[in-house]
Amino acid sequence: MSDQRQIYTGEAERYEALIAREDYQHNIQPALDEIIRVDGLDVIDLGAGTGRLAVPLAARARSMRAFDISHHMLTLTRDKFQRLTRDPLIALRRAQRGDSSRTSSLVAVADHRYLPAGSAAADLLVSGWSVSYLAVWNPERWRAGLDGWLKEARRVLRQGGMVILLESLGTGNESPQPLPHLENVYRWLDEKGFHNKWIRTDYQFDSLDQAVELAGFFFGEEMGRRVREERLVILSECTGVYWLEI
């Protein structure tokens, strides 16, 4: 496994090149809509990174606040939001829904456990592949980290609001395989009563060389070698979707 902390603090462009090729079958948005319709909601995205979830959701939400601990990653999210406000297709879709207003958006550096948002400020809190780092990067205090995050989520959500997390169930496999380093996270989610399902979020690369370079960059040299040996221009991935109504 590569040093993902270093990636998040200094490799935003390469990271974006990777995740732009994730979920090529477009399974994430329908999976979220089966839980709660995003249209017209006030949404907070935690660990927004380069906007993988925040930007497509912002096109439909009433407001979007994108938080991440990495200022470096959020520079790309800000650029994407600026382009989104100028997109005539988004404006047309809003008009067709009878909503002529633009989505208000905020991009800010924040810890998951200390959010710059008022109490009862949002209808939906989403986080993709991020909350688990509270446990992975702090193994001696993993439970306190996750409990602190959930307490903050309850504070910023309105009654009846929804938390939706996406967490890895394995890259390079076609069926879900819980990851050993996330064992505490999976168990904690079960303890707290999260519902769950899983989806495929496969990567589709433009070439084998690109697949080797980007997969190796994020997932490590061993994955890069496997992609090369098996000629995996499409790299399978399973993702768990966990949700809890507040």
C-alpha atoms as a PDB file:
ATOM      1  CA  MET A   1       0.000   0.000   0.000  1.00  0.00           C
ATOM      2  CA  SER A   2       1.294   3.454  -0.880  1.00  0.00           C
ATOM      3  CA  ASP A   3       1.636   6.285   1.636  1.00  0.00           C
ATOM      4  CA  GLN A   4      -1.853   7.695   1.270  1.00  0.00           C
ATOM      5  CA  ARG A   5      -1.297  10.528   3.734  1.00  0.00           C
ATOM      6  CA  GLN A   6       1.423  11.857   1.450  1.00  0.00           C
ATOM      7  CA  ILE A   7      -0.884  11.489  -1.546  1.00  0.00           C
ATOM      8  CA  TYR A   8      -3.611  13.528   0.115  1.00  0.00           C
ATOM      9  CA  THR A   9      -1.221  16.332   1.015  1.00  0.00           C
ATOM     10  CA  GLY A  10       0.711  16.594  -2.241  1.00  0.00           C
ATOM     11  CA  GLU A  11      -0.645  14.513  -5.126  1.00  0.00           C
ATOM     12  CA  ALA A  12      -4.077  15.953  -5.901  1.00  0.00           C
ATOM     13  CA  GLU A  13      -3.649  15.910  -9.690  1.00  0.00           C
ATOM     14  CA  ARG A  14      -2.585  12.251  -9.874  1.00  0.00           C
ATOM     15  CA  TYR A  15      -5.264  11.283  -7.377  1.00  0.00           C
ATOM     16  CA  GLU A  16      -7.877  13.034  -9.496  1.00  0.00           C
ATOM     17  CA  ALA A  17      -6.586  11.205 -12.581  1.00  0.00           C
ATOM     18  CA  LEU A  18      -7.287   7.933 -10.749  1.00  0.00           C
ATOM     19  CA  ILE A  19     -10.690   8.626  -9.261  1.00  0.00           C
ATOM     20  CA  ALA A  20     -11.954  10.225 -12.477  1.00  0.00           C
ATOM     21  CA  ARG A  21     -11.876   6.667 -13.848  1.00  0.00           C
ATOM     22  CA  GLU A  22     -13.660   5.089 -10.890  1.00  0.00           C
ATOM     23  CA  ASP A  23     -17.293   3.963 -11.021  1.00  0.00           C
ATOM     24  CA  TYR A  24     -17.340   3.997 -14.809  1.00  0.00           C
ATOM     25  CA  GLN A  25     -20.648   2.110 -14.718  1.00  0.00           C
ATOM     26  CA  HIS A  26     -22.189   4.941 -12.652  1.00  0.00           C
ATOM     27  CA  ASN A  27     -23.481   2.889  -9.734  1.00  0.00           C
ATOM     28  CA  ILE A  28     -22.882   5.380  -6.917  1.00  0.00           C
ATOM     29  CA  GLN A  29     -25.589   7.937  -7.657  1.00  0.00           C
ATOM     30  CA  PRO A  30     -28.417   5.374  -8.049  1.00  0.00           C
ATOM     31  CA  ALA A  31     -27.267   3.653  -4.844  1.00  0.00           C
ATOM     32  CA  LEU A  32     -27.531   6.938  -2.938  1.00  0.00           C
ATOM     33  CA  ASP A  33     -30.909   7.756  -4.484  1.00  0.00           C
ATOM     34  CA  GLU A  34     -32.279   4.424  -3.292  1.00  0.00           C
ATOM     35  CA  ILE A  35     -31.596   5.655   0.249  1.00  0.00           C
ATOM     36  CA  ILE A  36     -32.531   9.344  -0.071  1.00  0.00           C
ATOM     37  CA  ARG A  37     -33.197  11.685  -2.987  1.00  0.00           C
ATOM     38  CA  VAL A  38     -30.585  14.422  -3.004  1.00  0.00           C
ATOM     39  CA  ASP A  39     -32.575  16.964  -5.010  1.00  0.00           C
ATOM     40  CA  GLY A  40     -33.205  20.142  -3.019  1.00  0.00           C
ATOM     41  CA  LEU A  41     -31.371  18.992   0.124  1.00  0.00           C
ATOM     42  CA  ASP A  42     -28.729  20.743   2.191  1.00  0.00           C
ATOM     43  CA  VAL A  43     -25.731  18.410   1.977  1.00  0.00           C
ATOM     44  CA  ILE A  44     -22.377  18.155   3.755  1.00  0.00           C
ATOM     45  CA  ASP A  45     -19.560  16.058   2.276  1.00  0.00           C
ATOM     46  CA  LEU A  46     -16.787  14.987   4.655  1.00  0.00           C
ATOM     47  CA  GLY A  47     -13.409  14.081   3.231  1.00  0.00           C
ATOM     48  CA  ALA A  48     -14.487  15.653  -0.031  1.00  0.00           C
ATOM     49  CA  GLY A  49     -11.020  15.403  -1.545  1.00  0.00           C
ATOM     50  CA  THR A  50     -11.128  16.558  -5.158  1.00  0.00           C
ATOM     51  CA  GLY A  51     -14.927  16.516  -5.245  1.00  0.00           C
ATOM     52  CA  ARG A  52     -15.649  12.938  -6.229  1.00  0.00           C
ATOM     53  CA  LEU A  53     -19.030  13.000  -4.435  1.00  0.00           C
ATOM     54  CA  ALA A  54     -19.484  16.689  -3.710  1.00  0.00           C
ATOM     55  CA  VAL A  55     -19.544  17.958  -7.284  1.00  0.00           C
ATOM     56  CA  PRO A  56     -22.184  15.636  -8.791  1.00  0.00           C
ATOM     57  CA  LEU A  57     -24.324  15.999  -5.676  1.00  0.00           C
ATOM     58  CA  ALA A  58     -23.977  19.788  -5.754  1.00  0.00           C
ATOM     59  CA  ALA A  59     -25.559  19.808  -9.194  1.00  0.00           C
ATOM     60  CA  ARG A  60     -28.767  18.602  -7.555  1.00  0.00           C
ATOM     61  CA  ALA A  61     -28.617  19.848  -3.962  1.00  0.00           C
ATOM     62  CA  ARG A  62     -29.901  23.142  -2.562  1.00  0.00           C
ATOM     63  CA  SER A  63     -26.581  23.678  -0.799  1.00  0.00           C
ATOM     64  CA  MET A  64     -23.310  21.802  -0.597  1.00  0.00           C
ATOM     65  CA  ARG A  65     -20.566  22.180   1.992  1.00  0.00           C
ATOM     66  CA  ALA A  66     -17.412  20.245   1.149  1.00  0.00           C
ATOM     67  CA  PHE A  67     -14.939  19.705   3.989  1.00  0.00           C
ATOM     68  CA  ASP A  68     -11.570  17.973   4.010  1.00  0.00           C
ATOM     69  CA  ILE A  69      -8.499  18.105   6.214  1.00  0.00           C
ATOM     70  CA  SER A  70      -6.326  18.627   3.116  1.00  0.00           C
ATOM     71  CA  HIS A  71      -6.285  22.145   1.670  1.00  0.00           C
ATOM     72  CA  HIS A  72      -4.255  20.729  -1.225  1.00  0.00           C
ATOM     73  CA  MET A  73      -7.052  18.395  -2.337  1.00  0.00           C
ATOM     74  CA  LEU A  74      -9.738  21.038  -1.957  1.00  0.00           C
ATOM     75  CA  THR A  75      -8.099  23.334  -4.507  1.00  0.00           C
ATOM     76  CA  LEU A  76      -9.456  21.060  -7.247  1.00  0.00           C
ATOM     77  CA  THR A  77     -12.886  20.932  -5.627  1.00  0.00           C
ATOM     78  CA  ARG A  78     -13.098  24.734  -5.632  1.00  0.00           C
ATOM     79  CA  ASP A  79     -12.208  24.821  -9.320  1.00  0.00           C
ATOM     80  CA  LYS A  80     -14.881  22.239 -10.100  1.00  0.00           C
ATOM     81  CA  PHE A  81     -17.535  24.157  -8.185  1.00  0.00           C
ATOM     82  CA  GLN A  82     -16.688  27.309 -10.128  1.00  0.00           C
ATOM     83  CA  ARG A  83     -17.147  25.468 -13.414  1.00  0.00           C
ATOM     84  CA  LEU A  84     -20.375  23.954 -12.150  1.00  0.00           C
ATOM     85  CA  THR A  85     -21.947  27.362 -11.538  1.00  0.00           C
ATOM     86  CA  ARG A  86     -21.278  28.249 -15.190  1.00  0.00           C
ATOM     87  CA  ASP A  87     -22.641  24.996 -16.646  1.00  0.00           C
ATOM     88  CA  PRO A  88     -25.717  25.799 -18.782  1.00  0.00           C
ATOM     89  CA  LEU A  89     -26.900  22.182 -18.676  1.00  0.00           C
ATOM     90  CA  ILE A  90     -27.106  22.317 -14.873  1.00  0.00           C
ATOM     91  CA  ALA A  91     -29.075  25.561 -15.105  1.00  0.00           C
ATOM     92  CA  LEU A  92     -31.476  23.939 -17.583  1.00  0.00           C
ATOM     93  CA  ARG A  93     -32.047  20.935 -15.338  1.00  0.00           C
ATOM     94  CA  ARG A  94     -32.784  23.229 -12.413  1.00  0.00           C
ATOM     95  CA  ALA A  95     -35.272  25.198 -14.482  1.00  0.00           C
ATOM     96  CA  GLN A  96     -36.986  21.976 -15.529  1.00  0.00           C
ATOM     97  CA  ARG A  97     -37.367  21.106 -11.848  1.00  0.00           C
ATOM     98  CA  GLY A  98     -38.785  24.554 -11.159  1.00  0.00           C
ATOM     99  CA  ASP A  99     -35.681  25.636  -9.256  1.00  0.00           C
ATOM    100  CA  SER A 100     -34.108  28.738 -10.742  1.00  0.00           C
ATOM    101  CA  SER A 101     -31.610  29.285  -7.937  1.00  0.00           C
ATOM    102  CA  ARG A 102     -27.964  28.248  -7.978  1.00  0.00           C
ATOM    103  CA  THR A 103     -26.570  25.803  -5.457  1.00  0.00           C
ATOM    104  CA  SER A 104     -24.812  27.621  -2.643  1.00  0.00           C
ATOM    105  CA  SER A 105     -21.498  25.972  -1.885  1.00  0.00           C
ATOM    106  CA  LEU A 106     -18.724  26.173   0.675  1.00  0.00           C
ATOM    107  CA  VAL A 107     -15.325  24.507   0.505  1.00  0.00           C
ATOM    108  CA  ALA A 108     -13.308  24.531   3.718  1.00  0.00           C
ATOM    109  CA  VAL A 109     -10.606  22.696   5.623  1.00  0.00           C
ATOM    110  CA  ALA A 110     -12.096  20.829   8.578  1.00  0.00           C
ATOM    111  CA  ASP A 111     -11.648  17.804  10.795  1.00  0.00           C
ATOM    112  CA  HIS A 112     -14.568  15.353  10.659  1.00  0.00           C
ATOM    113  CA  ARG A 113     -15.080  15.789  14.401  1.00  0.00           C
ATOM    114  CA  TYR A 114     -15.149  19.609  14.410  1.00  0.00           C
ATOM    115  CA  LEU A 115     -17.218  20.970  11.547  1.00  0.00           C
ATOM    116  CA  PRO A 116     -17.674  24.656  10.704  1.00  0.00           C
ATOM    117  CA  ALA A 117     -21.434  24.255  10.418  1.00  0.00           C
ATOM    118  CA  GLY A 118     -24.291  25.197  12.691  1.00  0.00           C
ATOM    119  CA  SER A 119     -26.476  22.708  14.532  1.00  0.00           C
ATOM    120  CA  ALA A 120     -29.318  21.204  12.475  1.00  0.00           C
ATOM    121  CA  ALA A 121     -27.788  22.703   9.334  1.00  0.00           C
ATOM    122  CA  ALA A 122     -28.091  19.810   6.871  1.00  0.00           C
ATOM    123  CA  ASP A 123     -30.414  17.075   5.646  1.00  0.00           C
ATOM    124  CA  LEU A 124     -27.701  14.716   4.428  1.00  0.00           C
ATOM    125  CA  LEU A 125     -24.121  14.016   5.403  1.00  0.00           C
ATOM    126  CA  VAL A 126     -22.064  11.910   3.004  1.00  0.00           C
ATOM    127  CA  SER A 127     -18.489  10.700   3.233  1.00  0.00           C
ATOM    128  CA  GLY A 128     -16.646   8.559   0.753  1.00  0.00           C
ATOM    129  CA  TRP A 129     -13.664   6.438   1.785  1.00  0.00           C
ATOM    130  CA  SER A 130     -12.678   8.895   4.499  1.00  0.00           C
ATOM    131  CA  VAL A 131     -14.269   8.419   7.936  1.00  0.00           C
ATOM    132  CA  SER A 132     -12.404   5.120   8.298  1.00  0.00           C
ATOM    133  CA  TYR A 133      -9.100   7.029   8.504  1.00  0.00           C
ATOM    134  CA  LEU A 134     -10.138   8.204  11.979  1.00  0.00           C
ATOM    135  CA  ALA A 135      -9.573   4.590  12.993  1.00  0.00           C
ATOM    136  CA  VAL A 136      -6.791   3.550  10.614  1.00  0.00           C
ATOM    137  CA  TRP A 137      -4.536   6.512  11.369  1.00  0.00           C
ATOM    138  CA  ASN A 138      -5.250   6.457  15.120  1.00  0.00           C
ATOM    139  CA  PRO A 139      -5.340   2.750  16.030  1.00  0.00           C
ATOM    140  CA  GLU A 140      -5.000   3.316  19.777  1.00  0.00           C
ATOM    141  CA  ARG A 141      -7.986   5.685  19.870  1.00  0.00           C
ATOM    142  CA  TRP A 142      -9.992   4.407  16.954  1.00  0.00           C
ATOM    143  CA  ARG A 143     -13.284   4.103  18.844  1.00  0.00           C
ATOM    144  CA  ALA A 144     -13.040   7.588  20.333  1.00  0.00           C
ATOM    145  CA  GLY A 145     -12.383   8.991  16.870  1.00  0.00           C
ATOM    146  CA  LEU A 146     -15.387   7.306  15.292  1.00  0.00           C
ATOM    147  CA  ASP A 147     -17.667   8.114  18.240  1.00  0.00           C
ATOM    148  CA  GLY A 148     -16.578  11.757  18.079  1.00  0.00           C
ATOM    149  CA  TRP A 149     -17.373  11.918  14.393  1.00  0.00           C
ATOM    150  CA  LEU A 150     -20.845  10.421  14.845  1.00  0.00           C
ATOM    151  CA  LYS A 151     -21.608  12.856  17.680  1.00  0.00           C
ATOM    152  CA  GLU A 152     -20.715  15.738  15.377  1.00  0.00           C
ATOM    153  CA  ALA A 153     -22.787  14.248  12.567  1.00  0.00           C
ATOM    154  CA  ARG A 154     -25.805  14.147  14.884  1.00  0.00           C
ATOM    155  CA  ARG A 155     -25.225  17.788  15.787  1.00  0.00           C
ATOM    156  CA  VAL A 156     -25.139  19.162  12.240  1.00  0.00           C
ATOM    157  CA  LEU A 157     -28.019  17.062  10.904  1.00  0.00           C
ATOM    158  CA  ARG A 158     -31.679  17.932  11.261  1.00  0.00           C
ATOM    159  CA  GLN A 159     -34.075  15.467  12.812  1.00  0.00           C
ATOM    160  CA  GLY A 160     -34.709  12.734  10.290  1.00  0.00           C
ATOM    161  CA  GLY A 161     -31.453  13.546   8.503  1.00  0.00           C
ATOM    162  CA  MET A 162     -29.330  10.850   6.919  1.00  0.00           C
ATOM    163  CA  VAL A 163     -25.708   9.774   7.158  1.00  0.00           C
ATOM    164  CA  ILE A 164     -24.307   7.820   4.196  1.00  0.00           C
ATOM    165  CA  LEU A 165     -20.787   6.428   4.184  1.00  0.00           C
ATOM    166  CA  LEU A 166     -18.923   4.708   1.388  1.00  0.00           C
ATOM    167  CA  GLU A 167     -16.076   2.452   2.483  1.00  0.00           C
ATOM    168  CA  SER A 168     -13.865  -0.003   0.639  1.00  0.00           C
ATOM    169  CA  LEU A 169     -14.658  -3.684   0.378  1.00  0.00           C
ATOM    170  CA  GLY A 170     -11.670  -4.402  -1.802  1.00  0.00           C
ATOM    171  CA  THR A 171     -10.061  -3.276  -5.049  1.00  0.00           C
ATOM    172  CA  GLY A 172      -9.181  -5.953  -7.551  1.00  0.00           C
ATOM    173  CA  ASN A 173     -11.935  -8.383  -6.530  1.00  0.00           C
ATOM    174  CA  GLU A 174     -15.373  -8.911  -8.042  1.00  0.00           C
ATOM    175  CA  SER A 175     -17.227  -9.669  -4.811  1.00  0.00           C
ATOM    176  CA  PRO A 176     -16.925  -7.902  -1.451  1.00  0.00           C
ATOM    177  CA  GLN A 177     -13.993  -8.869   0.756  1.00  0.00           C
ATOM    178  CA  PRO A 178     -13.773  -6.999   4.074  1.00  0.00           C
ATOM    179  CA  LEU A 179     -10.305  -5.521   4.513  1.00  0.00           C
ATOM    180  CA  PRO A 180      -8.323  -6.502   7.622  1.00  0.00           C
ATOM    181  CA  HIS A 181      -7.233  -2.946   8.392  1.00  0.00           C
ATOM    182  CA  LEU A 182     -10.902  -1.834   8.432  1.00  0.00           C
ATOM    183  CA  GLU A 183     -12.107  -4.621  10.729  1.00  0.00           C
ATOM    184  CA  ASN A 184     -12.761  -2.238  13.634  1.00  0.00           C
ATOM    185  CA  VAL A 185     -14.652   0.143  11.351  1.00  0.00           C
ATOM    186  CA  TYR A 186     -16.986  -2.541   9.989  1.00  0.00           C
ATOM    187  CA  ARG A 187     -17.702  -3.800  13.494  1.00  0.00           C
ATOM    188  CA  TRP A 188     -18.354  -0.285  14.800  1.00  0.00           C
ATOM    189  CA  LEU A 189     -20.808   0.431  11.971  1.00  0.00           C
ATOM    190  CA  ASP A 190     -22.732  -2.724  12.859  1.00  0.00           C
ATOM    191  CA  GLU A 191     -22.776  -1.757  16.547  1.00  0.00           C
ATOM    192  CA  LYS A 192     -24.219   1.666  15.735  1.00  0.00           C
ATOM    193  CA  GLY A 193     -27.038   0.208  13.660  1.00  0.00           C
ATOM    194  CA  PHE A 194     -25.948   1.253  10.163  1.00  0.00           C
ATOM    195  CA  HIS A 195     -27.747  -0.482   7.312  1.00  0.00           C
ATOM    196  CA  ASN A 196     -25.560  -1.607   4.447  1.00  0.00           C
ATOM    197  CA  LYS A 197     -25.355  -2.869   0.900  1.00  0.00           C
ATOM    198  CA  TRP A 198     -22.543  -3.128  -1.598  1.00  0.00           C
ATOM    199  CA  ILE A 199     -21.990  -1.964  -5.142  1.00  0.00           C
ATOM    200  CA  ARG A 200     -19.321  -2.253  -7.820  1.00  0.00           C
ATOM    201  CA  THR A 201     -17.282   0.899  -8.452  1.00  0.00           C
ATOM    202  CA  ASP A 202     -14.858  -0.446 -11.066  1.00  0.00           C
ATOM    203  CA  TYR A 203     -12.157   1.651 -12.726  1.00  0.00           C
ATOM    204  CA  GLN A 204     -11.904   1.906 -16.506  1.00  0.00           C
ATOM    205  CA  PHE A 205      -8.556   3.159 -17.799  1.00  0.00           C
ATOM    206  CA  ASP A 206      -7.637   4.529 -21.209  1.00  0.00           C
ATOM    207  CA  SER A 207      -4.706   2.140 -21.640  1.00  0.00           C
ATOM    208  CA  LEU A 208      -2.807  -0.600 -19.857  1.00  0.00           C
ATOM    209  CA  ASP A 209       0.105   1.733 -19.176  1.00  0.00           C
ATOM    210  CA  GLN A 210      -2.229   4.220 -17.539  1.00  0.00           C
ATOM    211  CA  ALA A 211      -3.834   1.461 -15.478  1.00  0.00           C
ATOM    212  CA  VAL A 212      -0.448   0.244 -14.226  1.00  0.00           C
ATOM    213  CA  GLU A 213       0.750   3.757 -13.376  1.00  0.00           C
ATOM    214  CA  LEU A 214      -2.375   4.967 -11.558  1.00  0.00           C
ATOM    215  CA  ALA A 215      -3.218   1.714  -9.782  1.00  0.00           C
ATOM    216  CA  GLY A 216       0.368   1.361  -8.602  1.00  0.00           C
ATOM    217  CA  PHE A 217       0.483   4.993  -7.531  1.00  0.00           C
ATOM    218  CA  PHE A 218      -2.429   4.666  -5.092  1.00  0.00           C
ATOM    219  CA  PHE A 219      -2.758   0.975  -4.270  1.00  0.00           C
ATOM    220  CA  GLY A 220       0.933   0.095  -4.272  1.00  0.00           C
ATOM    221  CA  GLU A 221       3.504  -1.640  -6.438  1.00  0.00           C
ATOM    222  CA  GLU A 222       2.019  -5.105  -5.966  1.00  0.00           C
ATOM    223  CA  MET A 223      -1.292  -3.942  -7.433  1.00  0.00           C
ATOM    224  CA  GLY A 224       0.566  -2.274 -10.282  1.00  0.00           C
ATOM    225  CA  ARG A 225       2.345  -5.552 -11.096  1.00  0.00           C
ATOM    226  CA  ARG A 226      -0.926  -7.483 -10.980  1.00  0.00           C
ATOM    227  CA  VAL A 227      -2.594  -5.000 -13.310  1.00  0.00           C
ATOM    228  CA  ARG A 228       0.328  -5.384 -15.728  1.00  0.00           C
ATOM    229  CA  GLU A 229       0.411  -9.191 -15.582  1.00  0.00           C
ATOM    230  CA  GLU A 230      -3.366  -9.608 -15.917  1.00  0.00           C
ATOM    231  CA  ARG A 231      -3.732  -6.710 -18.365  1.00  0.00           C
ATOM    232  CA  LEU A 232      -6.478  -5.122 -16.282  1.00  0.00           C
ATOM    233  CA  VAL A 233      -7.623  -2.082 -18.222  1.00  0.00           C
ATOM    234  CA  ILE A 234     -10.800  -2.496 -16.165  1.00  0.00           C
ATOM    235  CA  LEU A 235      -9.979  -2.908 -12.474  1.00  0.00           C
ATOM    236  CA  SER A 236     -12.810  -4.289 -10.368  1.00  0.00           C
ATOM    237  CA  GLU A 237     -13.704  -2.720  -7.042  1.00  0.00           C
ATOM    238  CA  CYS A 238     -16.349  -3.351  -4.393  1.00  0.00           C
ATOM    239  CA  THR A 239     -17.659  -0.581  -2.172  1.00  0.00           C
ATOM    240  CA  GLY A 240     -19.842  -0.793   0.900  1.00  0.00           C
ATOM    241  CA  VAL A 241     -22.653   1.734   1.308  1.00  0.00           C
ATOM    242  CA  TYR A 242     -23.637   2.308   4.949  1.00  0.00           C
ATOM    243  CA  TRP A 243     -26.478   4.525   6.078  1.00  0.00           C
ATOM    244  CA  LEU A 244     -28.172   5.641   9.290  1.00  0.00           C
ATOM    245  CA  GLU A 245     -31.129   7.947   9.867  1.00  0.00           C
ATOM    246  CA  ILE A 246     -30.545  10.418  12.670  1.00  0.00           C
END
